[in-house]
Amino acid sequence: MKEIFFDLGAWTTLCVVVATFCTILVPTVYAFSSWRSTPLGRLFMLQSSAFAIAMLFTSLSRFWRPSSRDVVFATNAIVFTFIAISTLEMAKMIWRLNLAPRPSKRSSFMSEVNSAPKHAQAMLSNDAYDRLKKSVTLLLPGLGTLYFALAEIWGLPYGAQVVGSLAALNVFAGIVLSISSKSYDSSEAKYDGSIDVIVNPEGSKVLSLNLNEHPDVIPDMSQVLFKVNKS
């Protein structure tokens, strides 16, 4: 019987850790989108962050419990306040979208919520992508190796815990990097401009060049990539 309860406890802990990882992943990935541009995006970010913080403290409590009850009380108060505020604001938005008696304001509100860019945008900018890639390939593995070696030589505490935490963070950053790479490939960010192919009534074709940057920047670039739009 004890073995059964031990297995259930271990399974519950694993589920809590996986759920925590997933809830943290949502606002982290969503943070690289244009969530500030719409009310729905801002509310979704607030609510997903609140649930991520709640799950993070729930996961930590299975491995570490503060000795002071005041710390536990303050943490719970902050987390539940965030959840209450975000859920209340989300309920108000749902009411405004579906039950508001003034259709004119509702239509304007819906147009603001549903406004989105015409083309898919890259999740990370080129600079942020390069920095994250360096962290995944060099910084985090190097820090983990350095601390593990120093812990073995000098007897520093929590060697396995620190290395394991850095490895988990590196895996998480790698997932974000992979998602960003797919987002970049499917977006318009990889193009330096576009070429519009226009067919005249006579049958001849006219090419119209649209640059995303100022023409003076082109000579300093090593390569240029254009998207061809055929009418």
C-alpha atoms as a PDB file:
ATOM      1  CA  MET A   1       0.000   0.000   0.000  1.00  0.00           C
ATOM      2  CA  LYS A   2       2.829   2.402   0.842  1.00  0.00           C
ATOM      3  CA  GLU A   3       4.439   1.724  -2.537  1.00  0.00           C
ATOM      4  CA  ILE A   4       1.172   2.602  -4.282  1.00  0.00           C
ATOM      5  CA  PHE A   5       0.901   5.911  -2.418  1.00  0.00           C
ATOM      6  CA  PHE A   6       4.569   6.626  -3.165  1.00  0.00           C
ATOM      7  CA  ASP A   7       4.016   6.007  -6.889  1.00  0.00           C
ATOM      8  CA  LEU A   8       0.927   8.236  -6.859  1.00  0.00           C
ATOM      9  CA  GLY A   9       2.869  10.974  -5.089  1.00  0.00           C
ATOM     10  CA  ALA A  10       5.713  10.763  -7.588  1.00  0.00           C
ATOM     11  CA  TRP A  11       3.247  10.804 -10.496  1.00  0.00           C
ATOM     12  CA  THR A  12       1.456  13.824  -9.013  1.00  0.00           C
ATOM     13  CA  THR A  13       4.750  15.663  -8.611  1.00  0.00           C
ATOM     14  CA  LEU A  14       5.674  14.909 -12.218  1.00  0.00           C
ATOM     15  CA  CYS A  15       2.282  16.171 -13.423  1.00  0.00           C
ATOM     16  CA  VAL A  16       2.670  19.365 -11.398  1.00  0.00           C
ATOM     17  CA  VAL A  17       6.136  20.007 -12.847  1.00  0.00           C
ATOM     18  CA  VAL A  18       4.963  19.380 -16.424  1.00  0.00           C
ATOM     19  CA  ALA A  19       1.875  21.582 -15.903  1.00  0.00           C
ATOM     20  CA  THR A  20       4.096  24.319 -14.481  1.00  0.00           C
ATOM     21  CA  PHE A  21       6.391  24.143 -17.497  1.00  0.00           C
ATOM     22  CA  CYS A  22       3.424  24.376 -19.893  1.00  0.00           C
ATOM     23  CA  THR A  23       1.769  27.307 -18.079  1.00  0.00           C
ATOM     24  CA  ILE A  24       5.052  29.231 -18.015  1.00  0.00           C
ATOM     25  CA  LEU A  25       5.636  28.468 -21.695  1.00  0.00           C
ATOM     26  CA  VAL A  26       2.359  30.134 -22.757  1.00  0.00           C
ATOM     27  CA  PRO A  27       3.050  33.728 -21.543  1.00  0.00           C
ATOM     28  CA  THR A  28       6.745  33.399 -22.430  1.00  0.00           C
ATOM     29  CA  VAL A  29       6.026  32.602 -26.069  1.00  0.00           C
ATOM     30  CA  TYR A  30       3.088  35.022 -26.229  1.00  0.00           C
ATOM     31  CA  ALA A  31       5.307  37.838 -24.907  1.00  0.00           C
ATOM     32  CA  PHE A  32       7.095  37.981 -28.270  1.00  0.00           C
ATOM     33  CA  SER A  33       3.855  38.723 -30.139  1.00  0.00           C
ATOM     34  CA  SER A  34       2.042  42.061 -30.443  1.00  0.00           C
ATOM     35  CA  TRP A  35      -0.114  41.365 -27.370  1.00  0.00           C
ATOM     36  CA  ARG A  36      -0.104  45.015 -26.255  1.00  0.00           C
ATOM     37  CA  SER A  37      -1.986  46.153 -29.362  1.00  0.00           C
ATOM     38  CA  THR A  38      -5.411  44.748 -28.368  1.00  0.00           C
ATOM     39  CA  PRO A  39      -7.384  44.632 -25.091  1.00  0.00           C
ATOM     40  CA  LEU A  40      -7.885  40.890 -25.479  1.00  0.00           C
ATOM     41  CA  GLY A  41      -4.153  40.369 -25.886  1.00  0.00           C
ATOM     42  CA  ARG A  42      -3.361  42.351 -22.730  1.00  0.00           C
ATOM     43  CA  LEU A  43      -5.947  40.443 -20.703  1.00  0.00           C
ATOM     44  CA  PHE A  44      -4.763  37.083 -21.991  1.00  0.00           C
ATOM     45  CA  MET A  45      -1.182  37.971 -21.041  1.00  0.00           C
ATOM     46  CA  LEU A  46      -2.296  39.021 -17.540  1.00  0.00           C
ATOM     47  CA  GLN A  47      -4.320  35.861 -16.957  1.00  0.00           C
ATOM     48  CA  SER A  48      -1.755  33.459 -18.394  1.00  0.00           C
ATOM     49  CA  SER A  49       0.986  35.114 -16.298  1.00  0.00           C
ATOM     50  CA  ALA A  50      -1.171  34.839 -13.165  1.00  0.00           C
ATOM     51  CA  PHE A  51      -1.753  31.120 -13.705  1.00  0.00           C
ATOM     52  CA  ALA A  52       1.931  30.609 -14.522  1.00  0.00           C
ATOM     53  CA  ILE A  53       2.967  32.258 -11.231  1.00  0.00           C
ATOM     54  CA  ALA A  54       0.400  30.194  -9.338  1.00  0.00           C
ATOM     55  CA  MET A  55       1.654  26.948 -10.869  1.00  0.00           C
ATOM     56  CA  LEU A  56       5.269  27.963 -10.241  1.00  0.00           C
ATOM     57  CA  PHE A  57       4.654  28.446  -6.516  1.00  0.00           C
ATOM     58  CA  THR A  58       2.630  25.218  -6.421  1.00  0.00           C
ATOM     59  CA  SER A  59       5.522  23.330  -7.979  1.00  0.00           C
ATOM     60  CA  LEU A  60       8.080  24.900  -5.654  1.00  0.00           C
ATOM     61  CA  SER A  61       5.977  24.062  -2.614  1.00  0.00           C
ATOM     62  CA  ARG A  62       6.363  20.340  -3.366  1.00  0.00           C
ATOM     63  CA  PHE A  63      10.133  20.618  -2.932  1.00  0.00           C
ATOM     64  CA  TRP A  64      10.543  23.560  -0.550  1.00  0.00           C
ATOM     65  CA  ARG A  65       8.245  24.944   2.125  1.00  0.00           C
ATOM     66  CA  PRO A  66       9.030  28.297   3.789  1.00  0.00           C
ATOM     67  CA  SER A  67       9.372  28.090   7.543  1.00  0.00           C
ATOM     68  CA  SER A  68       7.447  31.327   8.049  1.00  0.00           C
ATOM     69  CA  ARG A  69       3.688  31.255   7.663  1.00  0.00           C
ATOM     70  CA  ASP A  70       3.727  34.952   6.774  1.00  0.00           C
ATOM     71  CA  VAL A  71       5.671  34.210   3.602  1.00  0.00           C
ATOM     72  CA  VAL A  72       3.155  31.539   2.578  1.00  0.00           C
ATOM     73  CA  PHE A  73       0.217  33.832   3.375  1.00  0.00           C
ATOM     74  CA  ALA A  74       1.683  36.786   1.449  1.00  0.00           C
ATOM     75  CA  THR A  75       2.542  34.605  -1.550  1.00  0.00           C
ATOM     76  CA  ASN A  76      -0.941  33.102  -1.697  1.00  0.00           C
ATOM     77  CA  ALA A  77      -2.533  36.531  -1.328  1.00  0.00           C
ATOM     78  CA  ILE A  78      -0.528  37.981  -4.219  1.00  0.00           C
ATOM     79  CA  VAL A  79      -1.109  35.014  -6.522  1.00  0.00           C
ATOM     80  CA  PHE A  80      -4.845  34.777  -5.873  1.00  0.00           C
ATOM     81  CA  THR A  81      -5.218  38.547  -6.253  1.00  0.00           C
ATOM     82  CA  PHE A  82      -3.665  38.360  -9.720  1.00  0.00           C
ATOM     83  CA  ILE A  83      -5.928  35.464 -10.677  1.00  0.00           C
ATOM     84  CA  ALA A  84      -9.029  37.233  -9.340  1.00  0.00           C
ATOM     85  CA  ILE A  85      -8.265  40.493 -11.175  1.00  0.00           C
ATOM     86  CA  SER A  86      -7.420  38.826 -14.491  1.00  0.00           C
ATOM     87  CA  THR A  87     -10.445  36.519 -14.365  1.00  0.00           C
ATOM     88  CA  LEU A  88     -12.774  39.390 -13.471  1.00  0.00           C
ATOM     89  CA  GLU A  89     -11.473  41.508 -16.350  1.00  0.00           C
ATOM     90  CA  MET A  90     -11.799  38.564 -18.723  1.00  0.00           C
ATOM     91  CA  ALA A  91     -15.417  38.042 -17.603  1.00  0.00           C
ATOM     92  CA  LYS A  92     -16.144  41.736 -18.200  1.00  0.00           C
ATOM     93  CA  MET A  93     -14.713  41.491 -21.698  1.00  0.00           C
ATOM     94  CA  ILE A  94     -16.800  38.399 -22.493  1.00  0.00           C
ATOM     95  CA  TRP A  95     -19.883  40.266 -21.271  1.00  0.00           C
ATOM     96  CA  ARG A  96     -19.055  43.257 -23.444  1.00  0.00           C
ATOM     97  CA  LEU A  97     -18.525  41.036 -26.486  1.00  0.00           C
ATOM     98  CA  ASN A  98     -21.678  38.969 -26.114  1.00  0.00           C
ATOM     99  CA  LEU A  99     -24.167  40.704 -23.799  1.00  0.00           C
ATOM    100  CA  ALA A 100     -23.513  44.425 -24.132  1.00  0.00           C
ATOM    101  CA  PRO A 101     -26.786  46.223 -25.037  1.00  0.00           C
ATOM    102  CA  ARG A 102     -25.098  48.891 -27.175  1.00  0.00           C
ATOM    103  CA  PRO A 103     -24.166  47.391 -30.546  1.00  0.00           C
ATOM    104  CA  SER A 104     -22.367  50.492 -31.782  1.00  0.00           C
ATOM    105  CA  LYS A 105     -19.805  50.357 -29.006  1.00  0.00           C
ATOM    106  CA  ARG A 106     -19.639  46.589 -29.283  1.00  0.00           C
ATOM    107  CA  SER A 107     -18.831  46.772 -32.998  1.00  0.00           C
ATOM    108  CA  SER A 108     -16.073  49.307 -32.407  1.00  0.00           C
ATOM    109  CA  PHE A 109     -14.739  47.191 -29.570  1.00  0.00           C
ATOM    110  CA  MET A 110     -14.792  44.083 -31.754  1.00  0.00           C
ATOM    111  CA  SER A 111     -12.934  45.873 -34.518  1.00  0.00           C
ATOM    112  CA  GLU A 112     -10.228  46.839 -32.034  1.00  0.00           C
ATOM    113  CA  VAL A 113      -9.971  43.324 -30.650  1.00  0.00           C
ATOM    114  CA  ASN A 114      -9.876  41.635 -34.040  1.00  0.00           C
ATOM    115  CA  SER A 115      -7.423  44.085 -35.565  1.00  0.00           C
ATOM    116  CA  ALA A 116      -4.284  42.234 -36.595  1.00  0.00           C
ATOM    117  CA  PRO A 117      -1.384  42.815 -38.959  1.00  0.00           C
ATOM    118  CA  LYS A 118      -1.880  41.690 -42.538  1.00  0.00           C
ATOM    119  CA  HIS A 119       1.214  39.527 -42.555  1.00  0.00           C
ATOM    120  CA  ALA A 120       2.502  37.093 -39.964  1.00  0.00           C
ATOM    121  CA  GLN A 121       5.260  38.629 -37.872  1.00  0.00           C
ATOM    122  CA  ALA A 122       8.376  36.891 -36.579  1.00  0.00           C
ATOM    123  CA  MET A 123       8.154  35.959 -32.912  1.00  0.00           C
ATOM    124  CA  LEU A 124      11.671  37.246 -32.161  1.00  0.00           C
ATOM    125  CA  SER A 125      13.667  40.025 -33.733  1.00  0.00           C
ATOM    126  CA  ASN A 126      16.983  39.149 -35.376  1.00  0.00           C
ATOM    127  CA  ASP A 127      18.940  40.563 -32.438  1.00  0.00           C
ATOM    128  CA  ALA A 128      16.878  38.698 -29.836  1.00  0.00           C
ATOM    129  CA  TYR A 129      17.137  35.470 -31.848  1.00  0.00           C
ATOM    130  CA  ASP A 130      20.936  35.752 -32.096  1.00  0.00           C
ATOM    131  CA  ARG A 131      21.272  36.411 -28.363  1.00  0.00           C
ATOM    132  CA  LEU A 132      19.015  33.514 -27.446  1.00  0.00           C
ATOM    133  CA  LYS A 133      20.887  31.212 -29.821  1.00  0.00           C
ATOM    134  CA  LYS A 134      24.217  32.136 -28.204  1.00  0.00           C
ATOM    135  CA  SER A 135      22.726  31.492 -24.770  1.00  0.00           C
ATOM    136  CA  VAL A 136      21.456  28.043 -25.801  1.00  0.00           C
ATOM    137  CA  THR A 137      24.621  26.958 -27.584  1.00  0.00           C
ATOM    138  CA  LEU A 138      27.335  28.630 -25.466  1.00  0.00           C
ATOM    139  CA  LEU A 139      26.313  30.537 -22.328  1.00  0.00           C
ATOM    140  CA  LEU A 140      24.061  28.099 -20.434  1.00  0.00           C
ATOM    141  CA  PRO A 141      26.084  24.934 -21.200  1.00  0.00           C
ATOM    142  CA  GLY A 142      29.271  26.801 -20.308  1.00  0.00           C
ATOM    143  CA  LEU A 143      27.879  28.033 -16.990  1.00  0.00           C
ATOM    144  CA  GLY A 144      26.648  24.540 -16.118  1.00  0.00           C
ATOM    145  CA  THR A 145      30.002  22.952 -16.905  1.00  0.00           C
ATOM    146  CA  LEU A 146      31.899  25.672 -15.021  1.00  0.00           C
ATOM    147  CA  TYR A 147      29.819  25.404 -11.850  1.00  0.00           C
ATOM    148  CA  PHE A 148      29.886  21.598 -11.883  1.00  0.00           C
ATOM    149  CA  ALA A 149      33.697  21.600 -12.182  1.00  0.00           C
ATOM    150  CA  LEU A 150      34.108  24.199  -9.428  1.00  0.00           C
ATOM    151  CA  ALA A 151      31.645  22.343  -7.205  1.00  0.00           C
ATOM    152  CA  GLU A 152      33.667  19.146  -7.552  1.00  0.00           C
ATOM    153  CA  ILE A 153      36.988  20.902  -6.931  1.00  0.00           C
ATOM    154  CA  TRP A 154      36.010  23.301  -4.135  1.00  0.00           C
ATOM    155  CA  GLY A 155      33.003  21.509  -2.682  1.00  0.00           C
ATOM    156  CA  LEU A 156      30.491  24.188  -3.631  1.00  0.00           C
ATOM    157  CA  PRO A 157      26.905  23.389  -2.585  1.00  0.00           C
ATOM    158  CA  TYR A 158      24.028  22.187  -4.774  1.00  0.00           C
ATOM    159  CA  GLY A 159      26.150  21.207  -7.746  1.00  0.00           C
ATOM    160  CA  ALA A 160      23.663  18.741  -9.210  1.00  0.00           C
ATOM    161  CA  GLN A 161      20.702  21.074  -8.536  1.00  0.00           C
ATOM    162  CA  VAL A 162      22.357  24.044 -10.239  1.00  0.00           C
ATOM    163  CA  VAL A 163      23.462  22.020 -13.259  1.00  0.00           C
ATOM    164  CA  GLY A 164      20.027  20.411 -13.548  1.00  0.00           C
ATOM    165  CA  SER A 165      18.305  23.798 -13.353  1.00  0.00           C
ATOM    166  CA  LEU A 166      20.568  25.234 -16.053  1.00  0.00           C
ATOM    167  CA  ALA A 167      19.949  22.189 -18.230  1.00  0.00           C
ATOM    168  CA  ALA A 168      16.176  22.566 -17.838  1.00  0.00           C
ATOM    169  CA  LEU A 169      16.438  26.287 -18.634  1.00  0.00           C
ATOM    170  CA  ASN A 170      18.542  25.459 -21.690  1.00  0.00           C
ATOM    171  CA  VAL A 171      15.916  22.990 -22.938  1.00  0.00           C
ATOM    172  CA  PHE A 172      13.189  25.587 -22.407  1.00  0.00           C
ATOM    173  CA  ALA A 173      15.187  28.236 -24.288  1.00  0.00           C
ATOM    174  CA  GLY A 174      15.800  25.721 -27.076  1.00  0.00           C
ATOM    175  CA  ILE A 175      12.044  25.170 -27.440  1.00  0.00           C
ATOM    176  CA  VAL A 176      11.457  28.928 -27.682  1.00  0.00           C
ATOM    177  CA  LEU A 177      14.272  29.127 -30.237  1.00  0.00           C
ATOM    178  CA  SER A 178      12.718  26.363 -32.335  1.00  0.00           C
ATOM    179  CA  ILE A 179       9.277  27.988 -32.235  1.00  0.00           C
ATOM    180  CA  SER A 180      10.821  31.330 -33.178  1.00  0.00           C
ATOM    181  CA  SER A 181      12.649  29.748 -36.105  1.00  0.00           C
ATOM    182  CA  LYS A 182       9.406  28.282 -37.473  1.00  0.00           C
ATOM    183  CA  SER A 183       7.662  31.614 -36.902  1.00  0.00           C
ATOM    184  CA  TYR A 184      10.431  33.410 -38.806  1.00  0.00           C
ATOM    185  CA  ASP A 185      10.236  31.006 -41.750  1.00  0.00           C
ATOM    186  CA  SER A 186       6.469  31.497 -42.066  1.00  0.00           C
ATOM    187  CA  SER A 187       6.561  35.290 -41.657  1.00  0.00           C
ATOM    188  CA  GLU A 188       7.425  38.214 -43.917  1.00  0.00           C
ATOM    189  CA  ALA A 189      10.382  39.221 -41.744  1.00  0.00           C
ATOM    190  CA  LYS A 190      12.904  37.202 -43.760  1.00  0.00           C
ATOM    191  CA  TYR A 191      12.268  39.295 -46.889  1.00  0.00           C
ATOM    192  CA  ASP A 192      14.008  42.601 -47.592  1.00  0.00           C
ATOM    193  CA  GLY A 193      11.167  43.661 -49.847  1.00  0.00           C
ATOM    194  CA  SER A 194       8.822  42.425 -52.530  1.00  0.00           C
ATOM    195  CA  ILE A 195       8.506  42.490 -56.309  1.00  0.00           C
ATOM    196  CA  ASP A 196       4.988  42.917 -57.645  1.00  0.00           C
ATOM    197  CA  VAL A 197       4.375  41.431 -61.080  1.00  0.00           C
ATOM    198  CA  ILE A 198       1.683  43.480 -62.805  1.00  0.00           C
ATOM    199  CA  VAL A 199       0.222  42.366 -66.131  1.00  0.00           C
ATOM    200  CA  ASN A 200      -0.975  45.214 -68.375  1.00  0.00           C
ATOM    201  CA  PRO A 201      -4.080  44.888 -70.570  1.00  0.00           C
ATOM    202  CA  GLU A 202      -1.722  44.568 -73.543  1.00  0.00           C
ATOM    203  CA  GLY A 203      -0.182  41.455 -71.980  1.00  0.00           C
ATOM    204  CA  SER A 204       3.173  42.957 -71.028  1.00  0.00           C
ATOM    205  CA  LYS A 205       4.486  42.604 -67.496  1.00  0.00           C
ATOM    206  CA  VAL A 206       5.637  45.419 -65.252  1.00  0.00           C
ATOM    207  CA  LEU A 207       7.762  44.777 -62.177  1.00  0.00           C
ATOM    208  CA  SER A 208       7.290  47.014 -59.151  1.00  0.00           C
ATOM    209  CA  LEU A 209      10.008  46.894 -56.475  1.00  0.00           C
ATOM    210  CA  ASN A 210       9.069  47.580 -52.839  1.00  0.00           C
ATOM    211  CA  LEU A 211      11.889  47.880 -50.305  1.00  0.00           C
ATOM    212  CA  ASN A 212      11.435  47.450 -46.563  1.00  0.00           C
ATOM    213  CA  GLU A 213      14.525  49.558 -45.867  1.00  0.00           C
ATOM    214  CA  HIS A 214      15.953  52.739 -47.352  1.00  0.00           C
ATOM    215  CA  PRO A 215      17.778  52.115 -50.662  1.00  0.00           C
ATOM    216  CA  ASP A 216      21.027  53.458 -49.150  1.00  0.00           C
ATOM    217  CA  VAL A 217      21.174  50.377 -46.905  1.00  0.00           C
ATOM    218  CA  ILE A 218      21.250  47.906 -49.820  1.00  0.00           C
ATOM    219  CA  PRO A 219      24.976  48.383 -50.749  1.00  0.00           C
ATOM    220  CA  ASP A 220      26.010  47.451 -47.196  1.00  0.00           C
ATOM    221  CA  MET A 221      24.091  44.147 -47.262  1.00  0.00           C
ATOM    222  CA  SER A 222      25.756  40.865 -48.232  1.00  0.00           C
ATOM    223  CA  GLN A 223      22.582  39.424 -49.742  1.00  0.00           C
ATOM    224  CA  VAL A 224      19.048  40.557 -50.499  1.00  0.00           C
ATOM    225  CA  LEU A 225      15.894  38.419 -50.529  1.00  0.00           C
ATOM    226  CA  PHE A 226      12.688  39.534 -52.251  1.00  0.00           C
ATOM    227  CA  LYS A 227       9.239  37.998 -52.324  1.00  0.00           C
ATOM    228  CA  VAL A 228       7.574  37.846 -55.723  1.00  0.00           C
ATOM    229  CA  ASN A 229       3.882  38.731 -55.729  1.00  0.00           C
ATOM    230  CA  LYS A 230       2.052  37.700 -58.864  1.00  0.00           C
ATOM    231  CA  SER A 231      -1.257  39.371 -59.589  1.00  0.00           C
END
